[in-house]
């Protein structure tokens, strides 16, 4: 998804906040976090959720780690294997 507004990024982040066990959710959250860091106001407190710059940076670090671990360990092999007797 290509983000074009801060509110769209905020919505995408809120929809993917539970990204701890999912590389796809972590990727979507990371995209939103990076957009929010780049185009952030001083502080956003809309909807009862506060996304300070420091909090976004912490979330970015966590999401990056999950995406990186998923990219290296979740690879499938499509090569047919044979057992030897």
C-alpha atoms as a PDB file:
ATOM      1  CA  UNK A   1       0.000   0.000   0.000  1.00  0.00           C
ATOM      2  CA  UNK A   2       1.340   3.414  -0.913  1.00  0.00           C
ATOM      3  CA  UNK A   3       0.710   5.969   1.787  1.00  0.00           C
ATOM      4  CA  UNK A   4      -0.178   9.506   0.801  1.00  0.00           C
ATOM      5  CA  UNK A   5      -1.417  11.094   4.032  1.00  0.00           C
ATOM      6  CA  UNK A   6      -0.409  11.067   7.665  1.00  0.00           C
ATOM      7  CA  UNK A   7      -3.866   9.859   8.679  1.00  0.00           C
ATOM      8  CA  UNK A   8      -3.606   6.911   6.257  1.00  0.00           C
ATOM      9  CA  UNK A   9      -0.247   5.996   7.810  1.00  0.00           C
ATOM     10  CA  UNK A  10      -1.734   6.277  11.292  1.00  0.00           C
ATOM     11  CA  UNK A  11      -4.636   4.017  10.306  1.00  0.00           C
ATOM     12  CA  UNK A  12      -2.267   1.450   8.763  1.00  0.00           C
ATOM     13  CA  UNK A  13      -0.117   1.465  11.896  1.00  0.00           C
ATOM     14  CA  UNK A  14      -3.124   1.018  14.211  1.00  0.00           C
ATOM     15  CA  UNK A  15      -4.347  -1.914  12.084  1.00  0.00           C
ATOM     16  CA  UNK A  16      -0.939  -3.603  12.379  1.00  0.00           C
ATOM     17  CA  UNK A  17       0.128  -2.772  15.941  1.00  0.00           C
ATOM     18  CA  UNK A  18       0.278  -6.450  16.915  1.00  0.00           C
ATOM     19  CA  UNK A  19       3.193  -7.170  14.599  1.00  0.00           C
ATOM     20  CA  UNK A  20       5.297  -9.214  17.036  1.00  0.00           C
ATOM     21  CA  UNK A  21       4.688 -12.588  15.352  1.00  0.00           C
ATOM     22  CA  UNK A  22       4.030 -11.548  11.767  1.00  0.00           C
ATOM     23  CA  UNK A  23       6.566 -10.315   9.251  1.00  0.00           C
ATOM     24  CA  UNK A  24       3.819  -9.106   6.920  1.00  0.00           C
ATOM     25  CA  UNK A  25       2.220  -7.007   9.681  1.00  0.00           C
ATOM     26  CA  UNK A  26       5.670  -5.793  10.737  1.00  0.00           C
ATOM     27  CA  UNK A  27       6.375  -4.701   7.145  1.00  0.00           C
ATOM     28  CA  UNK A  28       3.116  -2.755   6.959  1.00  0.00           C
ATOM     29  CA  UNK A  29       3.714  -1.218  10.378  1.00  0.00           C
ATOM     30  CA  UNK A  30       7.286  -0.309   9.413  1.00  0.00           C
ATOM     31  CA  UNK A  31       6.071   1.435   6.255  1.00  0.00           C
ATOM     32  CA  UNK A  32       3.570   3.437   8.291  1.00  0.00           C
ATOM     33  CA  UNK A  33       6.083   4.260  11.023  1.00  0.00           C
ATOM     34  CA  UNK A  34       8.633   5.536   8.513  1.00  0.00           C
ATOM     35  CA  UNK A  35       6.002   7.692   6.830  1.00  0.00           C
ATOM     36  CA  UNK A  36       4.914   9.093  10.194  1.00  0.00           C
ATOM     37  CA  UNK A  37       8.506   9.890  11.161  1.00  0.00           C
ATOM     38  CA  UNK A  38       9.159  11.631   7.858  1.00  0.00           C
ATOM     39  CA  UNK A  39       5.947  13.651   7.788  1.00  0.00           C
ATOM     40  CA  UNK A  40       5.111  13.958  11.468  1.00  0.00           C
ATOM     41  CA  UNK A  41       3.754  16.945  13.321  1.00  0.00           C
ATOM     42  CA  UNK A  42       5.435  17.653  16.667  1.00  0.00           C
ATOM     43  CA  UNK A  43       3.105  15.183  18.376  1.00  0.00           C
ATOM     44  CA  UNK A  44      -0.064  13.453  17.248  1.00  0.00           C
ATOM     45  CA  UNK A  45      -2.637  12.700  19.919  1.00  0.00           C
ATOM     46  CA  UNK A  46      -5.631  11.880  17.743  1.00  0.00           C
ATOM     47  CA  UNK A  47      -7.972   9.084  18.742  1.00  0.00           C
ATOM     48  CA  UNK A  48      -6.574   8.619  22.220  1.00  0.00           C
ATOM     49  CA  UNK A  49      -3.296   7.249  20.831  1.00  0.00           C
ATOM     50  CA  UNK A  50      -0.091   9.228  21.240  1.00  0.00           C
ATOM     51  CA  UNK A  51       2.711   8.686  18.747  1.00  0.00           C
ATOM     52  CA  UNK A  52       5.701  10.705  19.897  1.00  0.00           C
ATOM     53  CA  UNK A  53       8.881  10.758  17.822  1.00  0.00           C
ATOM     54  CA  UNK A  54      10.667   8.646  20.444  1.00  0.00           C
ATOM     55  CA  UNK A  55       7.892   6.063  20.513  1.00  0.00           C
ATOM     56  CA  UNK A  56       7.882   5.837  16.720  1.00  0.00           C
ATOM     57  CA  UNK A  57      11.648   5.307  16.707  1.00  0.00           C
ATOM     58  CA  UNK A  58      11.339   2.490  19.255  1.00  0.00           C
ATOM     59  CA  UNK A  59       8.570   0.837  17.232  1.00  0.00           C
ATOM     60  CA  UNK A  60      10.630   1.233  14.045  1.00  0.00           C
ATOM     61  CA  UNK A  61      13.570  -0.612  15.631  1.00  0.00           C
ATOM     62  CA  UNK A  62      11.339  -3.480  16.770  1.00  0.00           C
ATOM     63  CA  UNK A  63       9.552  -3.775  13.419  1.00  0.00           C
ATOM     64  CA  UNK A  64      12.876  -3.716  11.518  1.00  0.00           C
ATOM     65  CA  UNK A  65      14.178  -6.589  13.655  1.00  0.00           C
ATOM     66  CA  UNK A  66      11.075  -8.689  12.998  1.00  0.00           C
ATOM     67  CA  UNK A  67      11.150  -8.002   9.256  1.00  0.00           C
ATOM     68  CA  UNK A  68      14.880  -8.825   9.112  1.00  0.00           C
ATOM     69  CA  UNK A  69      14.466 -12.080  11.033  1.00  0.00           C
ATOM     70  CA  UNK A  70      11.540 -13.092   8.845  1.00  0.00           C
ATOM     71  CA  UNK A  71      13.455 -12.421   5.662  1.00  0.00           C
ATOM     72  CA  UNK A  72      16.297 -14.722   6.686  1.00  0.00           C
ATOM     73  CA  UNK A  73      14.486 -17.583   8.423  1.00  0.00           C
ATOM     74  CA  UNK A  74      11.158 -17.985   6.636  1.00  0.00           C
ATOM     75  CA  UNK A  75      12.466 -19.245   3.337  1.00  0.00           C
ATOM     76  CA  UNK A  76      10.934 -22.278   1.768  1.00  0.00           C
ATOM     77  CA  UNK A  77      12.676 -24.653  -0.556  1.00  0.00           C
ATOM     78  CA  UNK A  78      10.794 -25.908  -3.564  1.00  0.00           C
ATOM     79  CA  UNK A  79      13.454 -28.462  -4.457  1.00  0.00           C
ATOM     80  CA  UNK A  80      12.235 -32.011  -4.190  1.00  0.00           C
ATOM     81  CA  UNK A  81      14.333 -34.047  -1.813  1.00  0.00           C
ATOM     82  CA  UNK A  82      14.945 -37.781  -1.790  1.00  0.00           C
ATOM     83  CA  UNK A  83      15.866 -39.969   1.116  1.00  0.00           C
ATOM     84  CA  UNK A  84      18.685 -42.427   0.699  1.00  0.00           C
ATOM     85  CA  UNK A  85      18.532 -45.918   2.096  1.00  0.00           C
END
